[in-house]
Amino acid sequence: MRANLLIISLSMVLGVAVGMNVQPALQDKNHNIEFDPGFKSKPAEAWYKRGYSSSIAGKPQAAFENYGHALQIEPNKFAFLGRGNARTELADRRGAIQDYNQALKLDPQYASAYNNRGLAKEDLGNMYGALIDYDQAIHADDKFAIAYCNRGNVRSDLGDKLGAISDYDRAVQIEPTFAGAYYARGYTRSELGQCREAIADYSRTIATDPEYAWAYYKRGDVKLLLGETNSAIIDLNEAIKLKPEFVPAYSRRGDARENMRDWRGAAEDYSMVIRLEPNNESYYSERGFAYLQAGDYEKALVDANHAITPQSGDTRAYMVRGFAQYHLGNKLAAIDDFGKSLSNSNGGFSAGVYLARGIMRSKCGDDKGAMADYNRALELDPKLASAYRVRAFSRKAHGNVMGSVSDFWQAALLEPGSVLENLVCIVGAWLPNCK
């Protein structure tokens, strides 16, 4: 997530360009009309002040109405900009563009109107139109750091990552404490695989704005990609502290805890994601996998059942349910689920699933199917020592002594820590009691 930046208030220009005091807090409408002298001497200015106050109070509908009153009395570019901003907040992008157009008719060099119109166009999917407006904003004011940042965002989305970084560089050159520009540059660098540079930018973001939760999250995300799991968890903890309902941070911390084999901790994080987004079926699958690894097979089964819907096509959930059934002794159900998982698998867990299905088939007396699964598992992962061991026992049981010895030997080579055990089994391939 990048932050596009709207000039939602006019505090930088009101005092100088309009000469009005915008500090009084927003008051009751009738009270202002009755007692504020400005409504008698300068009614447009008074409505304008209230529009600004409504805007900074987070009341876009009131701001829209108040700016509208000001414009009925005396049209000016600041009121058009303010009403356009209010319309943007109300998701009326086309109406906002109309107001920005009016502001630009009154002042063709109004940089903030170009910038904000660019944002509205961007929200409507008109990326090239937005790019032109950001160009115009920068042409009107070559020190407009926010416009450089917004243009960088569009360039990045259009695939011009290096051009985007150039814009972010210019933004932070103009405004060295511009946290959003450092963050956006870090985001783009992470997309380019420049992980260390991205981390440095996220760190600059945090140094400038210590409460920038997204910067902690993204820095943790990149650290996790680099294998720096402990440091990543520290950043994700801070992101969650700053933003207690931060779903992506809980999800990524769950991933990090899985890397640490902290399965119950991962399950707790995925549980929080489910609480915050109960309709996101994929996290039931994630939590089910964590429960599976923690040995909570009943809970894993419940989550997998929840994740599997006619619409989801979640092959991972079938895999989780298959292994839960496997450990709970439901052989035929496990075989069925493993088959469904493998039918649409992208290969991530396929070797292990083939091995598990082979074991279940063997227990059900389907030795031919079991051997086919062991062979397929080893085709997908020739270093899967456990598959060689299981196939070795199967070959031994069917009198294939040399094949059994060969498989035990491969398992010994792949698992140096169990060489003695596998050597005993090699000898035992000629004996009846090696199991």
Protein backbone atom coordinates (compact mmCIF):
# COMPACT_ATOMS: atom_id res chain seq x y z
CA MET A 1 0.00 0.00 0.00
CA ARG A 2 1.28 3.42 -0.97
CA ALA A 3 -0.17 6.68 0.27
CA ASN A 4 -1.41 9.09 -2.39
CA LEU A 5 -1.50 12.58 -1.00
CA LEU A 6 -4.44 14.94 -1.28
CA ILE A 7 -4.25 18.57 -0.27
CA ILE A 8 -7.36 18.24 1.86
CA SER A 9 -6.91 21.46 3.81
CA LEU A 10 -5.91 24.92 2.70
CA SER A 11 -4.18 26.04 5.88
CA MET A 12 -1.01 26.89 3.95
CA VAL A 13 -2.81 29.34 1.67
CA LEU A 14 -5.78 30.61 3.67
CA GLY A 15 -3.92 33.05 5.87
CA VAL A 16 -1.90 34.56 3.07
CA ALA A 17 -4.14 34.33 0.04
CA VAL A 18 -7.48 34.96 1.69
CA GLY A 19 -6.49 36.73 4.88
CA MET A 20 -8.92 34.92 7.16
CA ASN A 21 -8.60 33.34 10.59
CA VAL A 22 -9.35 29.61 10.34
CA GLN A 23 -8.53 28.66 13.91
CA PRO A 24 -11.95 28.86 15.64
CA ALA A 25 -13.46 25.46 16.20
CA LEU A 26 -16.51 24.39 14.25
CA GLN A 27 -19.62 25.53 16.05
CA ASP A 28 -23.34 24.95 15.75
CA LYS A 29 -24.59 26.22 12.40
CA ASN A 30 -27.39 28.39 13.80
CA HIS A 31 -25.09 29.85 16.43
CA ASN A 32 -22.62 30.94 13.76
CA ILE A 33 -25.28 32.46 11.55
CA GLU A 34 -26.76 34.40 14.40
CA PHE A 35 -23.65 35.63 16.20
CA ASP A 36 -20.69 35.50 13.84
CA PRO A 37 -20.23 39.05 12.50
CA GLY A 38 -18.57 37.58 9.43
CA PHE A 39 -21.91 36.32 8.19
CA LYS A 40 -23.07 39.91 7.90
CA SER A 41 -19.93 41.64 6.70
CA LYS A 42 -18.29 38.84 4.69
CA PRO A 43 -20.79 35.99 4.30
CA ALA A 44 -18.84 34.10 1.61
CA GLU A 45 -15.72 34.17 3.76
CA ALA A 46 -17.66 32.98 6.81
CA TRP A 47 -19.18 30.01 4.94
CA TYR A 48 -15.74 29.31 3.57
CA LYS A 49 -14.24 29.26 7.06
CA ARG A 50 -16.90 26.83 8.18
CA GLY A 51 -16.19 24.62 5.15
CA TYR A 52 -12.54 24.48 6.13
CA SER A 53 -13.41 23.75 9.76
CA SER A 54 -15.73 20.95 8.68
CA SER A 55 -12.97 19.52 6.51
CA ILE A 56 -10.37 19.36 9.27
CA ALA A 57 -13.04 17.98 11.64
CA GLY A 58 -13.52 15.02 9.29
CA LYS A 59 -17.03 16.01 8.20
CA PRO A 60 -16.91 15.99 4.38
CA GLN A 61 -20.68 16.29 3.87
CA ALA A 62 -20.81 19.42 6.00
CA ALA A 63 -17.72 20.75 4.24
CA PHE A 64 -19.35 20.13 0.86
CA GLU A 65 -22.46 22.05 1.89
CA ASN A 66 -20.58 24.94 3.47
CA TYR A 67 -18.25 25.41 0.51
CA GLY A 68 -21.33 25.29 -1.70
CA HIS A 69 -22.88 28.21 0.21
CA ALA A 70 -19.65 30.16 -0.17
CA LEU A 71 -19.58 29.51 -3.92
CA GLN A 72 -23.19 30.65 -4.37
CA ILE A 73 -22.21 34.00 -2.94
CA GLU A 74 -18.74 34.45 -4.40
CA PRO A 75 -16.98 31.84 -6.54
CA ASN A 76 -13.25 31.52 -5.86
CA LYS A 77 -10.61 28.92 -6.55
CA PHE A 78 -10.07 28.01 -2.89
CA ALA A 79 -13.73 27.17 -2.33
CA PHE A 80 -13.85 25.11 -5.52
CA LEU A 81 -10.75 23.23 -4.36
CA GLY A 82 -12.24 22.69 -0.91
CA ARG A 83 -15.53 21.42 -2.30
CA GLY A 84 -13.67 19.18 -4.73
CA ASN A 85 -11.75 17.72 -1.80
CA ALA A 86 -15.00 17.13 0.09
CA ARG A 87 -16.48 15.39 -2.94
CA THR A 88 -13.37 13.21 -3.15
CA GLU A 89 -13.85 12.23 0.49
CA LEU A 90 -17.47 11.40 -0.34
CA ALA A 91 -16.30 9.20 -3.25
CA ASP A 92 -17.79 11.57 -5.85
CA ARG A 93 -14.66 11.70 -8.01
CA ARG A 94 -16.40 13.00 -11.13
CA GLY A 95 -17.99 15.82 -9.18
CA ALA A 96 -14.61 16.57 -7.62
CA ILE A 97 -13.02 16.82 -11.07
CA GLN A 98 -15.68 19.34 -12.08
CA ASP A 99 -14.82 21.50 -9.08
CA TYR A 100 -11.08 21.27 -9.75
CA ASN A 101 -11.80 22.27 -13.36
CA GLN A 102 -13.59 25.36 -12.10
CA ALA A 103 -10.69 26.21 -9.80
CA LEU A 104 -8.30 25.92 -12.76
CA LYS A 105 -10.47 28.17 -14.92
CA LEU A 106 -10.03 30.84 -12.27
CA ASP A 107 -6.29 30.13 -11.92
CA PRO A 108 -4.63 28.04 -14.66
CA GLN A 109 -1.46 27.84 -12.53
CA TYR A 110 -3.18 26.44 -9.41
CA ALA A 111 -0.83 23.55 -8.57
CA SER A 112 -2.97 22.05 -5.80
CA ALA A 113 -5.98 21.79 -8.13
CA TYR A 114 -3.89 19.91 -10.72
CA ASN A 115 -2.57 17.60 -8.01
CA ASN A 116 -5.97 16.82 -6.55
CA ARG A 117 -7.57 16.39 -9.96
CA GLY A 118 -4.80 13.93 -10.74
CA LEU A 119 -5.72 11.93 -7.65
CA ALA A 120 -9.38 11.86 -8.64
CA LYS A 121 -8.49 10.68 -12.14
CA GLU A 122 -6.19 8.04 -10.68
CA ASP A 123 -9.00 6.73 -8.49
CA LEU A 124 -11.16 6.46 -11.63
CA GLY A 125 -8.45 4.43 -13.37
CA ASN A 126 -7.35 7.21 -15.70
CA MET A 127 -3.66 6.78 -14.96
CA TYR A 128 -2.32 8.71 -17.96
CA GLY A 129 -4.72 11.58 -17.28
CA ALA A 130 -3.46 11.63 -13.69
CA LEU A 131 0.13 11.66 -14.91
CA ILE A 132 -0.56 14.71 -17.08
CA ASP A 133 -2.12 16.53 -14.13
CA TYR A 134 0.84 15.79 -11.87
CA ASP A 135 3.12 17.10 -14.63
CA GLN A 136 1.04 20.28 -14.71
CA ALA A 137 1.18 20.63 -10.93
CA ILE A 138 4.97 20.33 -10.99
CA HIS A 139 5.19 22.76 -13.92
CA ALA A 140 3.16 25.26 -11.89
CA ASP A 141 5.24 24.69 -8.74
CA ASP A 142 8.56 22.88 -9.16
CA LYS A 143 8.93 22.70 -5.36
CA PHE A 144 5.66 20.76 -4.92
CA ALA A 145 6.97 17.66 -3.13
CA ILE A 146 3.55 16.00 -2.84
CA ALA A 147 3.00 16.20 -6.59
CA TYR A 148 6.38 14.56 -7.22
CA CYS A 149 5.42 11.75 -4.85
CA ASN A 150 2.03 11.25 -6.47
CA ARG A 151 3.57 11.25 -9.94
CA GLY A 152 6.05 8.68 -8.71
CA ASN A 153 3.21 6.46 -7.59
CA VAL A 154 1.59 6.57 -11.03
CA ARG A 155 4.89 5.97 -12.78
CA SER A 156 5.47 2.95 -10.58
CA ASP A 157 2.01 1.56 -11.31
CA LEU A 158 2.63 2.05 -15.04
CA GLY A 159 5.87 0.07 -14.79
CA ASP A 160 8.35 2.95 -14.80
CA LYS A 161 9.97 2.05 -11.49
CA LEU A 162 13.18 3.99 -12.08
CA GLY A 163 11.22 7.09 -13.08
CA ALA A 164 9.18 6.68 -9.90
CA ILE A 165 12.31 6.50 -7.76
CA SER A 166 13.60 9.67 -9.46
CA ASP A 167 10.38 11.46 -8.43
CA TYR A 168 10.63 10.20 -4.86
CA ASP A 169 14.24 11.35 -4.75
CA ARG A 170 13.13 14.83 -5.79
CA ALA A 171 10.31 14.83 -3.22
CA VAL A 172 12.64 14.09 -0.30
CA GLN A 173 15.22 16.54 -1.66
CA ILE A 174 12.59 19.26 -1.46
CA GLU A 175 11.16 18.05 1.84
CA PRO A 176 13.68 15.93 3.81
CA THR A 177 11.07 15.01 6.45
CA PHE A 178 8.53 13.71 3.90
CA ALA A 179 7.77 10.29 5.42
CA GLY A 180 5.32 9.30 2.69
CA ALA A 181 7.94 9.76 -0.04
CA TYR A 182 10.51 7.65 1.80
CA TYR A 183 7.87 4.96 2.26
CA ALA A 184 6.82 5.04 -1.40
CA ARG A 185 10.44 4.82 -2.52
CA GLY A 186 11.00 1.87 -0.22
CA TYR A 187 7.89 0.17 -1.58
CA THR A 188 9.08 0.59 -5.16
CA ARG A 189 12.59 -0.58 -4.30
CA SER A 190 11.15 -3.70 -2.68
CA GLU A 191 9.23 -4.37 -5.91
CA LEU A 192 12.56 -4.16 -7.76
CA GLY A 193 14.14 -6.65 -5.36
CA GLN A 194 16.35 -3.97 -3.81
CA CYS A 195 15.65 -5.28 -0.34
CA ARG A 196 18.44 -3.56 1.61
CA GLU A 197 17.67 -0.21 0.00
CA ALA A 198 13.98 -0.72 0.74
CA ILE A 199 14.73 -1.44 4.40
CA ALA A 200 16.81 1.74 4.56
CA ASP A 201 13.89 3.76 3.18
CA TYR A 202 11.40 2.21 5.58
CA SER A 203 13.83 3.05 8.39
CA ARG A 204 13.96 6.67 7.19
CA THR A 205 10.17 6.71 7.14
CA ILE A 206 10.07 5.54 10.74
CA ALA A 207 12.76 8.01 11.81
CA THR A 208 10.64 10.79 10.32
CA ASP A 209 7.31 9.44 11.57
CA PRO A 210 7.68 6.87 14.40
CA GLU A 211 3.95 6.06 14.22
CA TYR A 212 3.94 5.03 10.55
CA ALA A 213 2.54 1.51 11.03
CA TRP A 214 2.75 0.58 7.35
CA ALA A 215 6.50 1.29 7.35
CA TYR A 216 7.06 -1.13 10.24
CA TYR A 217 4.91 -3.70 8.46
CA LYS A 218 6.72 -3.40 5.13
CA ARG A 219 10.15 -3.39 6.77
CA GLY A 220 9.18 -6.56 8.62
CA ASP A 221 7.86 -8.07 5.40
CA VAL A 222 11.15 -7.46 3.56
CA LYS A 223 13.20 -8.74 6.49
CA LEU A 224 11.14 -11.91 6.46
CA LEU A 225 11.90 -12.35 2.75
CA LEU A 226 15.60 -12.07 3.64
CA GLY A 227 15.28 -14.72 6.34
CA GLU A 228 15.71 -12.24 9.22
CA THR A 229 12.74 -13.70 11.05
CA ASN A 230 13.40 -12.47 14.59
CA SER A 231 13.94 -8.89 13.45
CA ALA A 232 10.87 -9.13 11.21
CA ILE A 233 8.72 -10.19 14.14
CA ILE A 234 9.92 -7.18 16.15
CA ASP A 235 8.79 -4.85 13.34
CA LEU A 236 5.47 -6.63 12.92
CA ASN A 237 4.89 -6.42 16.68
CA GLU A 238 5.40 -2.66 16.49
CA ALA A 239 3.03 -2.35 13.52
CA ILE A 240 0.35 -4.19 15.48
CA LYS A 241 0.99 -2.06 18.57
CA LEU A 242 0.41 1.07 16.51
CA LYS A 243 -2.55 -0.38 14.63
CA PRO A 244 -4.23 -3.10 16.73
CA GLU A 245 -6.55 -4.26 13.91
CA PHE A 246 -3.82 -4.39 11.27
CA VAL A 247 -4.77 -7.55 9.36
CA PRO A 248 -1.72 -7.76 7.02
CA ALA A 249 0.63 -7.48 10.00
CA TYR A 250 -1.10 -10.32 11.89
CA SER A 251 -1.01 -12.44 8.75
CA ARG A 252 2.68 -11.82 8.10
CA ARG A 253 3.57 -12.38 11.75
CA GLY A 254 1.74 -15.68 11.51
CA ASP A 255 3.97 -16.57 8.55
CA ALA A 256 7.04 -15.55 10.52
CA ARG A 257 6.00 -17.68 13.47
CA GLU A 258 5.52 -20.61 11.12
CA ASN A 259 9.11 -20.10 9.98
CA MET A 260 10.12 -20.30 13.64
CA ARG A 261 7.99 -23.45 13.98
CA ASP A 262 5.92 -21.61 16.58
CA TRP A 263 2.75 -23.26 15.34
CA ARG A 264 0.50 -22.21 18.20
CA GLY A 265 1.70 -18.61 17.93
CA ALA A 266 0.96 -18.72 14.20
CA ALA A 267 -2.50 -20.12 14.91
CA GLU A 268 -3.15 -17.23 17.33
CA ASP A 269 -2.25 -14.67 14.65
CA TYR A 270 -4.41 -16.33 12.02
CA SER A 271 -7.22 -16.45 14.60
CA MET A 272 -6.96 -12.68 14.94
CA VAL A 273 -7.12 -12.28 11.17
CA ILE A 274 -10.24 -14.48 11.11
CA ARG A 275 -11.83 -12.41 13.87
CA LEU A 276 -11.17 -9.22 11.90
CA GLU A 277 -12.05 -10.70 8.48
CA PRO A 278 -14.42 -13.62 9.16
CA ASN A 279 -15.32 -14.02 5.47
CA ASN A 280 -11.72 -14.54 4.34
CA GLU A 281 -11.77 -18.33 3.88
CA SER A 282 -8.06 -18.59 3.07
CA TYR A 283 -7.04 -17.89 6.64
CA TYR A 284 -9.00 -20.88 7.90
CA SER A 285 -6.72 -22.92 5.69
CA GLU A 286 -3.65 -21.15 7.09
CA ARG A 287 -4.75 -21.67 10.67
CA GLY A 288 -5.68 -25.27 9.91
CA PHE A 289 -2.14 -25.88 8.67
CA ALA A 290 -0.72 -24.38 11.88
CA TYR A 291 -3.03 -26.57 13.98
CA LEU A 292 -1.97 -29.57 11.89
CA GLN A 293 1.71 -28.91 12.58
CA ALA A 294 0.95 -28.38 16.28
CA GLY A 295 -0.76 -31.78 16.44
CA ASP A 296 -4.27 -30.38 16.95
CA TYR A 297 -5.79 -32.60 14.27
CA GLU A 298 -9.42 -32.08 15.25
CA LYS A 299 -9.04 -28.29 15.06
CA ALA A 300 -7.20 -28.64 11.76
CA LEU A 301 -10.08 -30.71 10.42
CA VAL A 302 -12.67 -28.13 11.51
CA ASP A 303 -10.75 -25.28 9.85
CA ALA A 304 -10.18 -27.23 6.64
CA ASN A 305 -13.89 -28.04 6.44
CA HIS A 306 -14.65 -24.33 6.84
CA ALA A 307 -12.14 -23.36 4.14
CA ILE A 308 -13.42 -25.87 1.59
CA THR A 309 -16.34 -24.41 -0.35
CA PRO A 310 -17.56 -25.00 -3.91
CA GLN A 311 -16.23 -21.56 -4.82
CA SER A 312 -12.86 -21.64 -3.08
CA GLY A 313 -10.96 -24.39 -4.89
CA ASP A 314 -8.49 -24.28 -2.01
CA THR A 315 -6.14 -27.18 -2.71
CA ARG A 316 -4.14 -26.39 0.44
CA ALA A 317 -7.29 -26.87 2.52
CA TYR A 318 -7.81 -30.31 0.97
CA MET A 319 -4.21 -31.10 1.81
CA VAL A 320 -4.68 -29.97 5.43
CA ARG A 321 -7.88 -31.97 5.74
CA GLY A 322 -6.21 -34.98 4.15
CA PHE A 323 -3.38 -34.95 6.67
CA ALA A 324 -5.82 -34.40 9.54
CA GLN A 325 -7.81 -37.42 8.35
CA TYR A 326 -4.52 -39.30 7.98
CA HIS A 327 -3.54 -38.70 11.61
CA LEU A 328 -7.06 -39.40 12.84
CA GLY A 329 -7.01 -42.78 11.07
CA ASN A 330 -9.66 -41.99 8.46
CA LYS A 331 -7.84 -43.74 5.63
CA LEU A 332 -10.33 -43.55 2.78
CA ALA A 333 -11.27 -39.94 3.56
CA ALA A 334 -7.57 -39.02 3.62
CA ILE A 335 -6.95 -40.69 0.25
CA ASP A 336 -9.91 -38.82 -1.26
CA ASP A 337 -8.73 -35.45 0.06
CA PHE A 338 -5.15 -36.02 -1.04
CA GLY A 339 -6.45 -36.76 -4.53
CA LYS A 340 -8.43 -33.51 -4.61
CA SER A 341 -5.44 -31.57 -3.37
CA LEU A 342 -3.17 -33.07 -6.03
CA SER A 343 -5.65 -32.52 -8.86
CA ASN A 344 -5.19 -28.73 -8.66
CA SER A 345 -1.87 -28.46 -6.87
CA ASN A 346 0.80 -25.98 -7.89
CA GLY A 347 3.46 -28.41 -6.66
CA GLY A 348 4.35 -26.75 -3.36
CA PHE A 349 3.39 -29.70 -1.15
CA SER A 350 2.86 -32.35 -3.82
CA ALA A 351 5.74 -34.69 -2.95
CA GLY A 352 4.68 -34.96 0.68
CA VAL A 353 1.05 -35.43 -0.31
CA TYR A 354 1.92 -38.25 -2.72
CA LEU A 355 3.97 -39.90 0.02
CA ALA A 356 1.14 -39.63 2.55
CA ARG A 357 -1.42 -40.92 0.08
CA GLY A 358 0.88 -43.81 -0.72
CA ILE A 359 1.07 -44.73 2.97
CA MET A 360 -2.72 -44.61 3.27
CA ARG A 361 -3.12 -46.70 0.12
CA SER A 362 -0.71 -49.24 1.51
CA LYS A 363 -2.71 -49.45 4.74
CA CYS A 364 -5.83 -50.01 2.64
CA GLY A 365 -4.13 -52.87 0.75
CA ASP A 366 -3.57 -50.94 -2.50
CA ASP A 367 0.14 -51.75 -2.79
CA LYS A 368 0.32 -50.97 -6.49
CA GLY A 369 -1.22 -47.53 -5.99
CA ALA A 370 1.03 -46.95 -3.01
CA MET A 371 4.18 -47.73 -5.00
CA ALA A 372 3.05 -45.40 -7.79
CA ASP A 373 2.64 -42.61 -5.24
CA TYR A 374 6.09 -43.24 -3.68
CA ASN A 375 7.65 -43.12 -7.12
CA ARG A 376 5.84 -39.90 -8.00
CA ALA A 377 6.89 -38.31 -4.71
CA LEU A 378 10.53 -39.05 -5.51
CA GLU A 379 10.18 -37.72 -9.05
CA LEU A 380 9.00 -34.42 -7.59
CA ASP A 381 11.54 -34.36 -4.77
CA PRO A 382 14.54 -36.66 -5.27
CA LYS A 383 15.90 -35.59 -1.87
CA LEU A 384 12.86 -36.71 0.13
CA ALA A 385 14.59 -39.22 2.40
CA SER A 386 11.40 -40.38 4.09
CA ALA A 387 10.00 -41.46 0.72
CA TYR A 388 13.05 -43.63 0.07
CA ARG A 389 12.63 -45.25 3.51
CA VAL A 390 8.92 -45.95 3.05
CA ARG A 391 9.48 -47.32 -0.43
CA ALA A 392 12.36 -49.43 0.89
CA PHE A 393 10.07 -51.14 3.42
CA SER A 394 7.44 -51.66 0.75
CA ARG A 395 9.99 -53.20 -1.61
CA LYS A 396 11.30 -55.42 1.17
CA ALA A 397 7.77 -56.61 1.97
CA HIS A 398 7.35 -57.64 -1.68
CA GLY A 399 10.68 -59.43 -1.94
CA ASN A 400 12.55 -56.77 -3.92
CA VAL A 401 15.72 -57.04 -1.86
CA MET A 402 18.05 -55.09 -4.11
CA GLY A 403 15.52 -52.28 -4.56
CA SER A 404 15.04 -52.15 -0.80
CA VAL A 405 18.80 -51.96 -0.16
CA SER A 406 19.18 -49.22 -2.77
CA ASP A 407 16.43 -47.12 -1.16
CA PHE A 408 17.80 -47.51 2.36
CA TRP A 409 21.21 -46.48 1.05
CA GLN A 410 19.75 -43.34 -0.58
CA ALA A 411 17.96 -42.48 2.67
CA ALA A 412 21.25 -42.88 4.54
CA LEU A 413 23.02 -40.52 2.14
CA LEU A 414 20.28 -37.91 2.51
CA GLU A 415 20.02 -38.22 6.30
CA PRO A 416 23.55 -38.35 7.72
CA GLY A 417 22.12 -38.33 11.23
CA SER A 418 20.35 -41.64 10.64
CA VAL A 419 23.10 -43.50 8.79
CA LEU A 420 23.35 -46.22 11.44
CA GLU A 421 19.61 -46.84 11.45
CA ASN A 422 19.52 -47.12 7.67
CA LEU A 423 22.57 -49.39 7.60
CA VAL A 424 20.84 -51.70 10.06
CA CYS A 425 17.86 -51.75 7.71
CA ILE A 426 20.12 -52.50 4.75
CA VAL A 427 21.33 -55.58 6.61
CA GLY A 428 17.78 -56.25 7.66
CA ALA A 429 16.63 -56.28 4.05
CA TRP A 430 17.75 -59.90 4.11
CA LEU A 431 16.25 -60.48 7.56
CA PRO A 432 12.57 -60.78 8.54
CA ASN A 433 12.62 -58.54 11.62
CA CYS A 434 13.76 -55.12 10.39
CA LYS A 435 10.76 -52.77 10.49
